[in-house]
PDB file of N, CA and C in Angstrom:
ATOM      1  N   MET A   1       0.860  -1.164   0.000  1.00  0.00           N
ATOM      2  CA  MET A   1       0.000   0.000   0.000  1.00  0.00           C
ATOM      3  C   MET A   1       0.904   1.224   0.000  1.00  0.00           C
ATOM      4  N   GLU A   2       0.471   2.223  -0.653  1.00  0.00           N
ATOM      5  CA  GLU A   2       1.270   3.447  -0.695  1.00  0.00           C
ATOM      6  C   GLU A   2       1.577   3.905   0.722  1.00  0.00           C
ATOM      7  N   ALA A   3       2.780   4.396   0.907  1.00  0.00           N
ATOM      8  CA  ALA A   3       3.197   4.850   2.227  1.00  0.00           C
ATOM      9  C   ALA A   3       2.274   5.925   2.771  1.00  0.00           C
ATOM     10  N   GLY A   4       1.779   6.786   1.897  1.00  0.00           N
ATOM     11  CA  GLY A   4       0.864   7.840   2.317  1.00  0.00           C
ATOM     12  C   GLY A   4      -0.440   7.305   2.883  1.00  0.00           C
ATOM     13  N   LEU A   5      -0.967   6.256   2.239  1.00  0.00           N
ATOM     14  CA  LEU A   5      -2.220   5.669   2.716  1.00  0.00           C
ATOM     15  C   LEU A   5      -2.041   4.993   4.062  1.00  0.00           C
ATOM     16  N   THR A   6      -0.987   4.211   4.207  1.00  0.00           N
ATOM     17  CA  THR A   6      -0.777   3.531   5.478  1.00  0.00           C
ATOM     18  C   THR A   6      -0.499   4.523   6.598  1.00  0.00           C
ATOM     19  N   ALA A   7       0.040   5.673   6.262  1.00  0.00           N
ATOM     20  CA  ALA A   7       0.267   6.705   7.278  1.00  0.00           C
ATOM     21  C   ALA A   7      -1.027   7.424   7.635  1.00  0.00           C
ATOM     22  N   LEU A   8      -1.915   7.617   6.667  1.00  0.00           N
ATOM     23  CA  LEU A   8      -3.163   8.333   6.914  1.00  0.00           C
ATOM     24  C   LEU A   8      -4.192   7.513   7.683  1.00  0.00           C
ATOM     25  N   ILE A   9      -4.215   6.230   7.479  1.00  0.00           N
ATOM     26  CA  ILE A   9      -5.252   5.401   8.103  1.00  0.00           C
ATOM     27  C   ILE A   9      -5.247   5.528   9.630  1.00  0.00           C
ATOM     28  N   PRO A  10      -4.111   5.368  10.317  1.00  0.00           N
ATOM     29  CA  PRO A  10      -4.144   5.538  11.780  1.00  0.00           C
ATOM     30  C   PRO A  10      -4.493   6.964  12.211  1.00  0.00           C
ATOM     31  N   VAL A  11      -4.071   7.946  11.435  1.00  0.00           N
ATOM     32  CA  VAL A  11      -4.399   9.340  11.749  1.00  0.00           C
ATOM     33  C   VAL A  11      -5.906   9.546  11.657  1.00  0.00           C
ATOM     34  N   PHE A  12      -6.510   9.052  10.589  1.00  0.00           N
ATOM     35  CA  PHE A  12      -7.958   9.186  10.416  1.00  0.00           C
ATOM     36  C   PHE A  12      -8.707   8.392  11.493  1.00  0.00           C
ATOM     37  N   ALA A  13      -8.221   7.211  11.824  1.00  0.00           N
ATOM     38  CA  ALA A  13      -8.887   6.377  12.835  1.00  0.00           C
ATOM     39  C   ALA A  13      -8.874   7.039  14.207  1.00  0.00           C
ATOM     40  N   ASP A  14      -7.824   7.772  14.508  1.00  0.00           N
ATOM     41  CA  ASP A  14      -7.722   8.434  15.807  1.00  0.00           C
ATOM     42  C   ASP A  14      -8.499   9.749  15.881  1.00  0.00           C
ATOM     43  N   ASP A  15      -8.980  10.222  14.743  1.00  0.00           N
ATOM     44  CA  ASP A  15      -9.766  11.456  14.712  1.00  0.00           C
ATOM     45  C   ASP A  15     -11.156  11.163  15.290  1.00  0.00           C
ATOM     46  N   ALA A  16     -11.629  12.011  16.166  1.00  0.00           N
ATOM     47  CA  ALA A  16     -12.911  11.779  16.840  1.00  0.00           C
ATOM     48  C   ALA A  16     -14.122  12.034  15.946  1.00  0.00           C
ATOM     49  N   ARG A  17     -13.936  12.726  14.836  1.00  0.00           N
ATOM     50  CA  ARG A  17     -15.076  13.010  13.952  1.00  0.00           C
ATOM     51  C   ARG A  17     -15.542  11.723  13.269  1.00  0.00           C
ATOM     52  N   GLU A  18     -16.851  11.527  13.276  1.00  0.00           N
ATOM     53  CA  GLU A  18     -17.440  10.268  12.803  1.00  0.00           C
ATOM     54  C   GLU A  18     -17.038   9.902  11.383  1.00  0.00           C
ATOM     55  N   PHE A  19     -17.158  10.817  10.445  1.00  0.00           N
ATOM     56  CA  PHE A  19     -16.906  10.457   9.056  1.00  0.00           C
ATOM     57  C   PHE A  19     -15.424  10.396   8.722  1.00  0.00           C
ATOM     58  N   VAL A  20     -14.601  11.068   9.493  1.00  0.00           N
ATOM     59  CA  VAL A  20     -13.152  10.940   9.299  1.00  0.00           C
ATOM     60  C   VAL A  20     -12.719   9.554   9.770  1.00  0.00           C
ATOM     61  N   ARG A  21     -13.207   9.156  10.948  1.00  0.00           N
ATOM     62  CA  ARG A  21     -12.872   7.815  11.456  1.00  0.00           C
ATOM     63  C   ARG A  21     -13.416   6.749  10.515  1.00  0.00           C
ATOM     64  N   ARG A  22     -14.609   6.935  10.024  1.00  0.00           N
ATOM     65  CA  ARG A  22     -15.198   5.973   9.089  1.00  0.00           C
ATOM     66  C   ARG A  22     -14.320   5.829   7.843  1.00  0.00           C
ATOM     67  N   THR A  23     -13.779   6.928   7.392  1.00  0.00           N
ATOM     68  CA  THR A  23     -12.927   6.918   6.208  1.00  0.00           C
ATOM     69  C   THR A  23     -11.743   5.978   6.373  1.00  0.00           C
ATOM     70  N   ALA A  24     -11.144   5.954   7.550  1.00  0.00           N
ATOM     71  CA  ALA A  24      -9.999   5.068   7.795  1.00  0.00           C
ATOM     72  C   ALA A  24     -10.371   3.619   7.529  1.00  0.00           C
ATOM     73  N   PHE A  25     -11.513   3.198   8.059  1.00  0.00           N
ATOM     74  CA  PHE A  25     -11.907   1.801   7.918  1.00  0.00           C
ATOM     75  C   PHE A  25     -12.463   1.492   6.535  1.00  0.00           C
ATOM     76  N   ALA A  26     -13.073   2.463   5.907  1.00  0.00           N
ATOM     77  CA  ALA A  26     -13.521   2.290   4.525  1.00  0.00           C
ATOM     78  C   ALA A  26     -12.302   2.130   3.600  1.00  0.00           C
ATOM     79  N   MET A  27     -11.233   2.863   3.888  1.00  0.00           N
ATOM     80  CA  MET A  27      -9.999   2.732   3.098  1.00  0.00           C
ATOM     81  C   MET A  27      -9.415   1.328   3.248  1.00  0.00           C
ATOM     82  N   ILE A  28      -9.414   0.808   4.467  1.00  0.00           N
ATOM     83  CA  ILE A  28      -8.917  -0.552   4.703  1.00  0.00           C
ATOM     84  C   ILE A  28      -9.780  -1.557   3.944  1.00  0.00           C
ATOM     85  N   ALA A  29     -11.097  -1.404   4.055  1.00  0.00           N
ATOM     86  CA  ALA A  29     -12.020  -2.344   3.396  1.00  0.00           C
ATOM     87  C   ALA A  29     -11.821  -2.340   1.882  1.00  0.00           C
ATOM     88  N   GLY A  30     -11.720  -1.166   1.308  1.00  0.00           N
ATOM     89  CA  GLY A  30     -11.526  -1.068  -0.139  1.00  0.00           C
ATOM     90  C   GLY A  30     -10.185  -1.622  -0.587  1.00  0.00           C
ATOM     91  N   ALA A  31      -9.156  -1.295   0.160  1.00  0.00           N
ATOM     92  CA  ALA A  31      -7.819  -1.773  -0.192  1.00  0.00           C
ATOM     93  C   ALA A  31      -7.719  -3.293  -0.070  1.00  0.00           C
ATOM     94  N   ALA A  32      -8.387  -3.871   0.911  1.00  0.00           N
ATOM     95  CA  ALA A  32      -8.342  -5.327   1.104  1.00  0.00           C
ATOM     96  C   ALA A  32      -8.902  -6.066  -0.108  1.00  0.00           C
ATOM     97  N   VAL A  33      -9.841  -5.452  -0.796  1.00  0.00           N
ATOM     98  CA  VAL A  33     -10.442  -6.071  -1.975  1.00  0.00           C
ATOM     99  C   VAL A  33      -9.658  -5.762  -3.244  1.00  0.00           C
ATOM    100  N   HIS A  34      -9.269  -4.511  -3.404  1.00  0.00           N
ATOM    101  CA  HIS A  34      -8.725  -4.075  -4.688  1.00  0.00           C
ATOM    102  C   HIS A  34      -7.207  -4.122  -4.806  1.00  0.00           C
ATOM    103  N   MET A  35      -6.489  -4.136  -3.714  1.00  0.00           N
ATOM    104  CA  MET A  35      -5.025  -4.154  -3.783  1.00  0.00           C
ATOM    105  C   MET A  35      -4.531  -5.592  -3.582  1.00  0.00           C
ATOM    106  N   ARG A  36      -4.767  -6.396  -4.585  1.00  0.00           N
ATOM    107  CA  ARG A  36      -4.509  -7.838  -4.495  1.00  0.00           C
ATOM    108  C   ARG A  36      -3.036  -8.204  -4.393  1.00  0.00           C
ATOM    109  N   THR A  37      -2.161  -7.344  -4.881  1.00  0.00           N
ATOM    110  CA  THR A  37      -0.723  -7.658  -4.826  1.00  0.00           C
ATOM    111  C   THR A  37      -0.087  -7.195  -3.523  1.00  0.00           C
ATOM    112  N   GLU A  38      -0.838  -6.491  -2.727  1.00  0.00           N
ATOM    113  CA  GLU A  38      -0.323  -6.000  -1.436  1.00  0.00           C
ATOM    114  C   GLU A  38      -0.107  -7.191  -0.501  1.00  0.00           C
ATOM    115  N   PRO A  39       1.011  -7.225   0.216  1.00  0.00           N
ATOM    116  CA  PRO A  39       1.265  -8.347   1.139  1.00  0.00           C
ATOM    117  C   PRO A  39       0.213  -8.417   2.245  1.00  0.00           C
ATOM    118  N   ASP A  40      -0.076  -9.628   2.684  1.00  0.00           N
ATOM    119  CA  ASP A  40      -1.057  -9.837   3.755  1.00  0.00           C
ATOM    120  C   ASP A  40      -0.687  -9.077   5.025  1.00  0.00           C
ATOM    121  N   GLU A  41       0.594  -8.961   5.289  1.00  0.00           N
ATOM    122  CA  GLU A  41       1.051  -8.294   6.513  1.00  0.00           C
ATOM    123  C   GLU A  41       0.517  -6.866   6.617  1.00  0.00           C
ATOM    124  N   THR A  42       0.353  -6.217   5.485  1.00  0.00           N
ATOM    125  CA  THR A  42      -0.186  -4.854   5.481  1.00  0.00           C
ATOM    126  C   THR A  42      -1.565  -4.835   6.124  1.00  0.00           C
ATOM    127  N   PHE A  43      -2.398  -5.789   5.763  1.00  0.00           N
ATOM    128  CA  PHE A  43      -3.763  -5.822   6.260  1.00  0.00           C
ATOM    129  C   PHE A  43      -3.851  -6.419   7.658  1.00  0.00           C
ATOM    130  N   LEU A  44      -3.021  -7.403   7.930  1.00  0.00           N
ATOM    131  CA  LEU A  44      -3.012  -7.991   9.273  1.00  0.00           C
ATOM    132  C   LEU A  44      -2.567  -6.956  10.309  1.00  0.00           C
ATOM    133  N   ALA A  45      -1.747  -6.012   9.889  1.00  0.00           N
ATOM    134  CA  ALA A  45      -1.291  -4.953  10.798  1.00  0.00           C
ATOM    135  C   ALA A  45      -2.419  -4.010  11.197  1.00  0.00           C
ATOM    136  N   PHE A  46      -3.518  -4.013  10.440  1.00  0.00           N
ATOM    137  CA  PHE A  46      -4.658  -3.157  10.778  1.00  0.00           C
ATOM    138  C   PHE A  46      -5.614  -3.811  11.776  1.00  0.00           C
ATOM    139  N   LEU A  47      -5.458  -5.088  12.059  1.00  0.00           N
ATOM    140  CA  LEU A  47      -6.371  -5.763  12.980  1.00  0.00           C
ATOM    141  C   LEU A  47      -6.364  -5.139  14.386  1.00  0.00           C
ATOM    142  N   PRO A  48      -5.198  -4.763  14.949  1.00  0.00           N
ATOM    143  CA  PRO A  48      -5.245  -4.085  16.257  1.00  0.00           C
ATOM    144  C   PRO A  48      -6.000  -2.758  16.209  1.00  0.00           C
ATOM    145  N   LEU A  49      -5.910  -2.052  15.098  1.00  0.00           N
ATOM    146  CA  LEU A  49      -6.642  -0.794  14.936  1.00  0.00           C
ATOM    147  C   LEU A  49      -8.150  -1.068  14.890  1.00  0.00           C
ATOM    148  N   ILE A  50      -8.521  -2.130  14.208  1.00  0.00           N
ATOM    149  CA  ILE A  50      -9.927  -2.537  14.151  1.00  0.00           C
ATOM    150  C   ILE A  50     -10.418  -2.889  15.552  1.00  0.00           C
ATOM    151  N   GLU A  51      -9.626  -3.650  16.270  1.00  0.00           N
ATOM    152  CA  GLU A  51     -10.010  -4.033  17.626  1.00  0.00           C
ATOM    153  C   GLU A  51     -10.139  -2.806  18.534  1.00  0.00           C
ATOM    154  N   ALA A  52      -9.238  -1.871  18.387  1.00  0.00           N
ATOM    155  CA  ALA A  52      -9.252  -0.664  19.224  1.00  0.00           C
ATOM    156  C   ALA A  52     -10.489   0.194  18.997  1.00  0.00           C
ATOM    157  N   HIS A  53     -11.024   0.184  17.795  1.00  0.00           N
ATOM    158  CA  HIS A  53     -12.159   1.059  17.484  1.00  0.00           C
ATOM    159  C   HIS A  53     -13.480   0.300  17.333  1.00  0.00           C
ATOM    160  N   ALA A  54     -13.467  -0.969  17.688  1.00  0.00           N
ATOM    161  CA  ALA A  54     -14.682  -1.781  17.578  1.00  0.00           C
ATOM    162  C   ALA A  54     -15.733  -1.404  18.620  1.00  0.00           C
ATOM    163  N   ARG A  55     -15.377  -0.551  19.541  1.00  0.00           N
ATOM    164  CA  ARG A  55     -16.325  -0.144  20.581  1.00  0.00           C
ATOM    165  C   ARG A  55     -16.958   1.223  20.301  1.00  0.00           C
ATOM    166  N   ASP A  56     -16.694   1.765  19.125  1.00  0.00           N
ATOM    167  CA  ASP A  56     -17.288   3.057  18.752  1.00  0.00           C
ATOM    168  C   ASP A  56     -18.725   2.791  18.288  1.00  0.00           C
ATOM    169  N   PRO A  57     -19.715   3.250  19.051  1.00  0.00           N
ATOM    170  CA  PRO A  57     -21.102   2.888  18.747  1.00  0.00           C
ATOM    171  C   PRO A  57     -21.756   3.674  17.609  1.00  0.00           C
ATOM    172  N   ARG A  58     -21.051   4.654  17.079  1.00  0.00           N
ATOM    173  CA  ARG A  58     -21.681   5.449  16.015  1.00  0.00           C
ATOM    174  C   ARG A  58     -21.889   4.589  14.775  1.00  0.00           C
ATOM    175  N   ASN A  59     -23.076   4.679  14.216  1.00  0.00           N
ATOM    176  CA  ASN A  59     -23.519   3.794  13.152  1.00  0.00           C
ATOM    177  C   ASN A  59     -22.533   3.682  11.982  1.00  0.00           C
ATOM    178  N   PHE A  60     -22.099   4.804  11.440  1.00  0.00           N
ATOM    179  CA  PHE A  60     -21.229   4.750  10.267  1.00  0.00           C
ATOM    180  C   PHE A  60     -19.848   4.196  10.610  1.00  0.00           C
ATOM    181  N   VAL A  61     -19.399   4.429  11.817  1.00  0.00           N
ATOM    182  CA  VAL A  61     -18.091   3.907  12.228  1.00  0.00           C
ATOM    183  C   VAL A  61     -18.176   2.402  12.438  1.00  0.00           C
ATOM    184  N   ARG A  62     -19.168   1.950  13.188  1.00  0.00           N
ATOM    185  CA  ARG A  62     -19.243   0.516  13.471  1.00  0.00           C
ATOM    186  C   ARG A  62     -19.434  -0.299  12.196  1.00  0.00           C
ATOM    187  N   LYS A  63     -20.202   0.232  11.253  1.00  0.00           N
ATOM    188  CA  LYS A  63     -20.389  -0.480   9.981  1.00  0.00           C
ATOM    189  C   LYS A  63     -19.092  -0.536   9.177  1.00  0.00           C
ATOM    190  N   ALA A  64     -18.319   0.540   9.194  1.00  0.00           N
ATOM    191  CA  ALA A  64     -17.046   0.555   8.454  1.00  0.00           C
ATOM    192  C   ALA A  64     -16.013  -0.353   9.108  1.00  0.00           C
ATOM    193  N   VAL A  65     -15.976  -0.382  10.441  1.00  0.00           N
ATOM    194  CA  VAL A  65     -15.064  -1.282  11.161  1.00  0.00           C
ATOM    195  C   VAL A  65     -15.413  -2.724  10.800  1.00  0.00           C
ATOM    196  N   ASN A  66     -16.693  -3.042  10.820  1.00  0.00           N
ATOM    197  CA  ASN A  66     -17.161  -4.378  10.466  1.00  0.00           C
ATOM    198  C   ASN A  66     -16.799  -4.728   9.028  1.00  0.00           C
ATOM    199  N   TRP A  67     -16.989  -3.790   8.137  1.00  0.00           N
ATOM    200  CA  TRP A  67     -16.682  -3.978   6.715  1.00  0.00           C
ATOM    201  C   TRP A  67     -15.195  -4.257   6.523  1.00  0.00           C
ATOM    202  N   ALA A  68     -14.356  -3.493   7.191  1.00  0.00           N
ATOM    203  CA  ALA A  68     -12.903  -3.693   7.082  1.00  0.00           C
ATOM    204  C   ALA A  68     -12.513  -5.082   7.589  1.00  0.00           C
ATOM    205  N   LEU A  69     -13.050  -5.471   8.728  1.00  0.00           N
ATOM    206  CA  LEU A  69     -12.734  -6.783   9.305  1.00  0.00           C
ATOM    207  C   LEU A  69     -13.170  -7.909   8.363  1.00  0.00           C
ATOM    208  N   ARG A  70     -14.371  -7.821   7.846  1.00  0.00           N
ATOM    209  CA  ARG A  70     -14.867  -8.865   6.935  1.00  0.00           C
ATOM    210  C   ARG A  70     -14.056  -8.927   5.644  1.00  0.00           C
ATOM    211  N   ASN A  71     -13.703  -7.779   5.088  1.00  0.00           N
ATOM    212  CA  ASN A  71     -12.948  -7.787   3.833  1.00  0.00           C
ATOM    213  C   ASN A  71     -11.532  -8.316   4.021  1.00  0.00           C
ATOM    214  N   ILE A  72     -10.917  -8.020   5.130  1.00  0.00           N
ATOM    215  CA  ILE A  72      -9.602  -8.604   5.406  1.00  0.00           C
ATOM    216  C   ILE A  72      -9.745 -10.122   5.486  1.00  0.00           C
ATOM    217  N   GLY A  73     -10.768 -10.581   6.172  1.00  0.00           N
ATOM    218  CA  GLY A  73     -10.984 -12.021   6.318  1.00  0.00           C
ATOM    219  C   GLY A  73     -11.298 -12.749   5.034  1.00  0.00           C
ATOM    220  N   LYS A  74     -11.788 -12.044   4.037  1.00  0.00           N
ATOM    221  CA  LYS A  74     -12.136 -12.676   2.763  1.00  0.00           C
ATOM    222  C   LYS A  74     -10.999 -12.658   1.746  1.00  0.00           C
ATOM    223  N   ARG A  75      -9.874 -12.045   2.082  1.00  0.00           N
ATOM    224  CA  ARG A  75      -8.748 -11.964   1.131  1.00  0.00           C
ATOM    225  C   ARG A  75      -8.197 -13.336   0.764  1.00  0.00           C
ATOM    226  N   ASN A  76      -7.844 -14.121   1.755  1.00  0.00           N
ATOM    227  CA  ASN A  76      -7.249 -15.443   1.544  1.00  0.00           C
ATOM    228  C   ASN A  76      -7.261 -16.208   2.865  1.00  0.00           C
ATOM    229  N   ARG A  77      -6.750 -17.415   2.859  1.00  0.00           N
ATOM    230  CA  ARG A  77      -6.797 -18.254   4.066  1.00  0.00           C
ATOM    231  C   ARG A  77      -6.025 -17.661   5.243  1.00  0.00           C
ATOM    232  N   ALA A  78      -4.854 -17.115   4.985  1.00  0.00           N
ATOM    233  CA  ALA A  78      -4.043 -16.558   6.073  1.00  0.00           C
ATOM    234  C   ALA A  78      -4.753 -15.386   6.738  1.00  0.00           C
ATOM    235  N   CYS A  79      -5.280 -14.495   5.953  1.00  0.00           N
ATOM    236  CA  CYS A  79      -6.018 -13.351   6.497  1.00  0.00           C
ATOM    237  C   CYS A  79      -7.314 -13.809   7.142  1.00  0.00           C
ATOM    238  N   HIS A  80      -7.929 -14.832   6.572  1.00  0.00           N
ATOM    239  CA  HIS A  80      -9.184 -15.352   7.105  1.00  0.00           C
ATOM    240  C   HIS A  80      -8.994 -15.834   8.541  1.00  0.00           C
ATOM    241  N   ALA A  81      -7.955 -16.592   8.782  1.00  0.00           N
ATOM    242  CA  ALA A  81      -7.737 -17.143  10.122  1.00  0.00           C
ATOM    243  C   ALA A  81      -7.564 -16.036  11.159  1.00  0.00           C
ATOM    244  N   ALA A  82      -6.771 -15.038  10.841  1.00  0.00           N
ATOM    245  CA  ALA A  82      -6.529 -13.943  11.782  1.00  0.00           C
ATOM    246  C   ALA A  82      -7.783 -13.101  11.996  1.00  0.00           C
ATOM    247  N   ALA A  83      -8.496 -12.792  10.927  1.00  0.00           N
ATOM    248  CA  ALA A  83      -9.715 -11.984  11.043  1.00  0.00           C
ATOM    249  C   ALA A  83     -10.808 -12.748  11.789  1.00  0.00           C
ATOM    250  N   LEU A  84     -10.905 -14.044  11.549  1.00  0.00           N
ATOM    251  CA  LEU A  84     -11.905 -14.854  12.242  1.00  0.00           C
ATOM    252  C   LEU A  84     -11.589 -14.941  13.735  1.00  0.00           C
ATOM    253  N   ALA A  85     -10.317 -15.063  14.066  1.00  0.00           N
ATOM    254  CA  ALA A  85      -9.930 -15.093  15.480  1.00  0.00           C
ATOM    255  C   ALA A  85     -10.322 -13.789  16.179  1.00  0.00           C
ATOM    256  N   LEU A  86     -10.046 -12.660  15.545  1.00  0.00           N
ATOM    257  CA  LEU A  86     -10.441 -11.380  16.127  1.00  0.00           C
ATOM    258  C   LEU A  86     -11.967 -11.269  16.191  1.00  0.00           C
ATOM    259  N   SER A  87     -12.645 -11.724  15.172  1.00  0.00           N
ATOM    260  CA  SER A  87     -14.113 -11.678  15.156  1.00  0.00           C
ATOM    261  C   SER A  87     -14.692 -12.458  16.324  1.00  0.00           C
ATOM    262  N   ARG A  88     -14.136 -13.620  16.587  1.00  0.00           N
ATOM    263  CA  ARG A  88     -14.621 -14.439  17.714  1.00  0.00           C
ATOM    264  C   ARG A  88     -14.342 -13.767  19.049  1.00  0.00           C
ATOM    265  N   THR A  89     -13.197 -13.123  19.162  1.00  0.00           N
ATOM    266  CA  THR A  89     -12.876 -12.377  20.381  1.00  0.00           C
ATOM    267  C   THR A  89     -13.880 -11.246  20.585  1.00  0.00           C
ATOM    268  N   LEU A  90     -14.140 -10.492  19.527  1.00  0.00           N
ATOM    269  CA  LEU A  90     -15.100  -9.387  19.620  1.00  0.00           C
ATOM    270  C   LEU A  90     -16.510  -9.890  19.913  1.00  0.00           C
ATOM    271  N   ALA A  91     -16.875 -11.040  19.373  1.00  0.00           N
ATOM    272  CA  ALA A  91     -18.212 -11.597  19.589  1.00  0.00           C
ATOM    273  C   ALA A  91     -18.460 -11.931  21.061  1.00  0.00           C
ATOM    274  N   GLU A  92     -17.402 -12.137  21.805  1.00  0.00           N
ATOM    275  CA  GLU A  92     -17.515 -12.462  23.234  1.00  0.00           C
ATOM    276  C   GLU A  92     -17.355 -11.224  24.119  1.00  0.00           C
ATOM    277  N   SER A  93     -17.204 -10.085  23.522  1.00  0.00           N
ATOM    278  CA  SER A  93     -16.973  -8.847  24.260  1.00  0.00           C
ATOM    279  C   SER A  93     -18.199  -8.443  25.084  1.00  0.00           C
ATOM    280  N   PRO A  94     -17.960  -7.841  26.240  1.00  0.00           N
ATOM    281  CA  PRO A  94     -19.095  -7.301  27.006  1.00  0.00           C
ATOM    282  C   PRO A  94     -19.670  -6.029  26.371  1.00  0.00           C
ATOM    283  N   ASP A  95     -18.909  -5.417  25.456  1.00  0.00           N
ATOM    284  CA  ASP A  95     -19.369  -4.200  24.792  1.00  0.00           C
ATOM    285  C   ASP A  95     -20.351  -4.563  23.671  1.00  0.00           C
ATOM    286  N   LYS A  96     -21.508  -3.926  23.676  1.00  0.00           N
ATOM    287  CA  LYS A  96     -22.566  -4.226  22.706  1.00  0.00           C
ATOM    288  C   LYS A  96     -22.120  -4.028  21.254  1.00  0.00           C
ATOM    289  N   THR A  97     -21.418  -2.937  20.979  1.00  0.00           N
ATOM    290  CA  THR A  97     -20.997  -2.635  19.609  1.00  0.00           C
ATOM    291  C   THR A  97     -19.946  -3.634  19.128  1.00  0.00           C
ATOM    292  N   ALA A  98     -18.948  -3.902  19.956  1.00  0.00           N
ATOM    293  CA  ALA A  98     -17.910  -4.872  19.592  1.00  0.00           C
ATOM    294  C   ALA A  98     -18.514  -6.251  19.381  1.00  0.00           C
ATOM    295  N   ARG A  99     -19.467  -6.604  20.232  1.00  0.00           N
ATOM    296  CA  ARG A  99     -20.133  -7.901  20.113  1.00  0.00           C
ATOM    297  C   ARG A  99     -20.897  -7.998  18.792  1.00  0.00           C
ATOM    298  N   TRP A 100     -21.589  -6.932  18.394  1.00  0.00           N
ATOM    299  CA  TRP A 100     -22.309  -6.927  17.120  1.00  0.00           C
ATOM    300  C   TRP A 100     -21.340  -7.095  15.951  1.00  0.00           C
ATOM    301  N   ILE A 101     -20.249  -6.336  15.976  1.00  0.00           N
ATOM    302  CA  ILE A 101     -19.245  -6.413  14.912  1.00  0.00           C
ATOM    303  C   ILE A 101     -18.698  -7.836  14.818  1.00  0.00           C
ATOM    304  N   GLY A 102     -18.330  -8.390  15.969  1.00  0.00           N
ATOM    305  CA  GLY A 102     -17.757  -9.736  15.987  1.00  0.00           C
ATOM    306  C   GLY A 102     -18.721 -10.798  15.493  1.00  0.00           C
ATOM    307  N   LYS A 103     -19.943 -10.764  15.986  1.00  0.00           N
ATOM    308  CA  LYS A 103     -20.920 -11.786  15.586  1.00  0.00           C
ATOM    309  C   LYS A 103     -21.249 -11.701  14.101  1.00  0.00           C
ATOM    310  N   ASP A 104     -21.394 -10.480  13.596  1.00  0.00           N
ATOM    311  CA  ASP A 104     -21.695 -10.317  12.176  1.00  0.00           C
ATOM    312  C   ASP A 104     -20.536 -10.815  11.311  1.00  0.00           C
ATOM    313  N   ALA A 105     -19.318 -10.498  11.723  1.00  0.00           N
ATOM    314  CA  ALA A 105     -18.151 -10.941  10.955  1.00  0.00           C
ATOM    315  C   ALA A 105     -18.001 -12.465  11.027  1.00  0.00           C
ATOM    316  N   VAL A 106     -18.218 -13.054  12.194  1.00  0.00           N
ATOM    317  CA  VAL A 106     -18.144 -14.517  12.317  1.00  0.00           C
ATOM    318  C   VAL A 106     -19.173 -15.162  11.398  1.00  0.00           C
ATOM    319  N   ARG A 107     -20.388 -14.611  11.397  1.00  0.00           N
ATOM    320  CA  ARG A 107     -21.441 -15.167  10.546  1.00  0.00           C
ATOM    321  C   ARG A 107     -21.018 -15.197   9.078  1.00  0.00           C
ATOM    322  N   GLU A 108     -20.464 -14.081   8.598  1.00  0.00           N
ATOM    323  CA  GLU A 108     -20.072 -14.052   7.190  1.00  0.00           C
ATOM    324  C   GLU A 108     -18.819 -14.875   6.923  1.00  0.00           C
ATOM    325  N   LEU A 109     -17.835 -14.774   7.786  1.00  0.00           N
ATOM    326  CA  LEU A 109     -16.561 -15.458   7.539  1.00  0.00           C
ATOM    327  C   LEU A 109     -16.655 -16.972   7.698  1.00  0.00           C
ATOM    328  N   THR A 110     -17.716 -17.466   8.338  1.00  0.00           N
ATOM    329  CA  THR A 110     -17.906 -18.912   8.451  1.00  0.00           C
ATOM    330  C   THR A 110     -19.003 -19.415   7.521  1.00  0.00           C
ATOM    331  N   SER A 111     -19.501 -18.537   6.657  1.00  0.00           N
ATOM    332  CA  SER A 111     -20.552 -18.960   5.724  1.00  0.00           C
ATOM    333  C   SER A 111     -19.968 -19.942   4.699  1.00  0.00           C
ATOM    334  N   GLU A 112     -20.811 -20.805   4.239  1.00  0.00           N
ATOM    335  CA  GLU A 112     -20.393 -21.816   3.267  1.00  0.00           C
ATOM    336  C   GLU A 112     -19.806 -21.175   2.010  1.00  0.00           C
ATOM    337  N   LYS A 113     -20.420 -20.097   1.570  1.00  0.00           N
ATOM    338  CA  LYS A 113     -19.968 -19.409   0.356  1.00  0.00           C
ATOM    339  C   LYS A 113     -18.521 -18.927   0.511  1.00  0.00           C
ATOM    340  N   ILE A 114     -18.212 -18.280   1.603  1.00  0.00           N
ATOM    341  CA  ILE A 114     -16.851 -17.752   1.823  1.00  0.00           C
ATOM    342  C   ILE A 114     -15.866 -18.899   2.011  1.00  0.00           C
ATOM    343  N   LEU A 115     -16.234 -19.901   2.782  1.00  0.00           N
ATOM    344  CA  LEU A 115     -15.327 -21.029   3.023  1.00  0.00           C
ATOM    345  C   LEU A 115     -15.023 -21.771   1.723  1.00  0.00           C
ATOM    346  N   ASN A 116     -16.006 -21.937   0.876  1.00  0.00           N
ATOM    347  CA  ASN A 116     -15.780 -22.605  -0.430  1.00  0.00           C
ATOM    348  C   ASN A 116     -14.864 -21.777  -1.314  1.00  0.00           C
ATOM    349  N   ARG A 117     -15.047 -20.459  -1.302  1.00  0.00           N
ATOM    350  CA  ARG A 117     -14.189 -19.594  -2.125  1.00  0.00           C
ATOM    351  C   ARG A 117     -12.741 -19.626  -1.642  1.00  0.00           C
ATOM    352  N   LEU A 118     -12.553 -19.715  -0.341  1.00  0.00           N
ATOM    353  CA  LEU A 118     -11.201 -19.726   0.209  1.00  0.00           C
ATOM    354  C   LEU A 118     -10.497 -21.070  -0.020  1.00  0.00           C
ATOM    355  N   LYS A 119     -11.248 -22.125  -0.271  1.00  0.00           N
ATOM    356  CA  LYS A 119     -10.648 -23.442  -0.520  1.00  0.00           C
ATOM    357  C   LYS A 119      -9.903 -23.492  -1.836  1.00  0.00           C
ATOM    358  N   ARG A 120     -10.304 -22.641  -2.783  1.00  0.00           N
ATOM    359  CA  ARG A 120      -9.691 -22.664  -4.129  1.00  0.00           C
ATOM    360  C   ARG A 120      -8.255 -22.251  -4.081  1.00  0.00           C
TER     361      ARG A 120
END
C-alpha cells in the first residue's frame, strides 16, 4: 500500500469526527479487496486498529469497522484465520458494539460461500 495511505489510516482512525474515522476503515475495506498484490502483513497490521475502534457505537463507524474486518478475512486463508480469530474475540466482548461487529463478521466469515471460495 502506498506509504501515504498507510500513514493516513491511523491518523484518520484516531480522529474523533465520525466520518473521518469511518474513512480510515472504509480505506482498509476497499484496499483489502482491490489491492490484491499488497502483502497480507499490510492488512493484518490493521487488525489491532480494528479491535481498538470496535467499541465506537456510532452507526457509520461501526459499519465501516465491520466492513474492514470482513474484507480482510475474505482476502485469503491466512487473512481469514486472523480476522476470524479477532471476530470471535469481539463476539464475546461485554461491549454491545464490539459484540455486534464480531458476531456479524463470524457469521459471514464462516458462511459456506466464503469457506468454499477460500478453498480454491
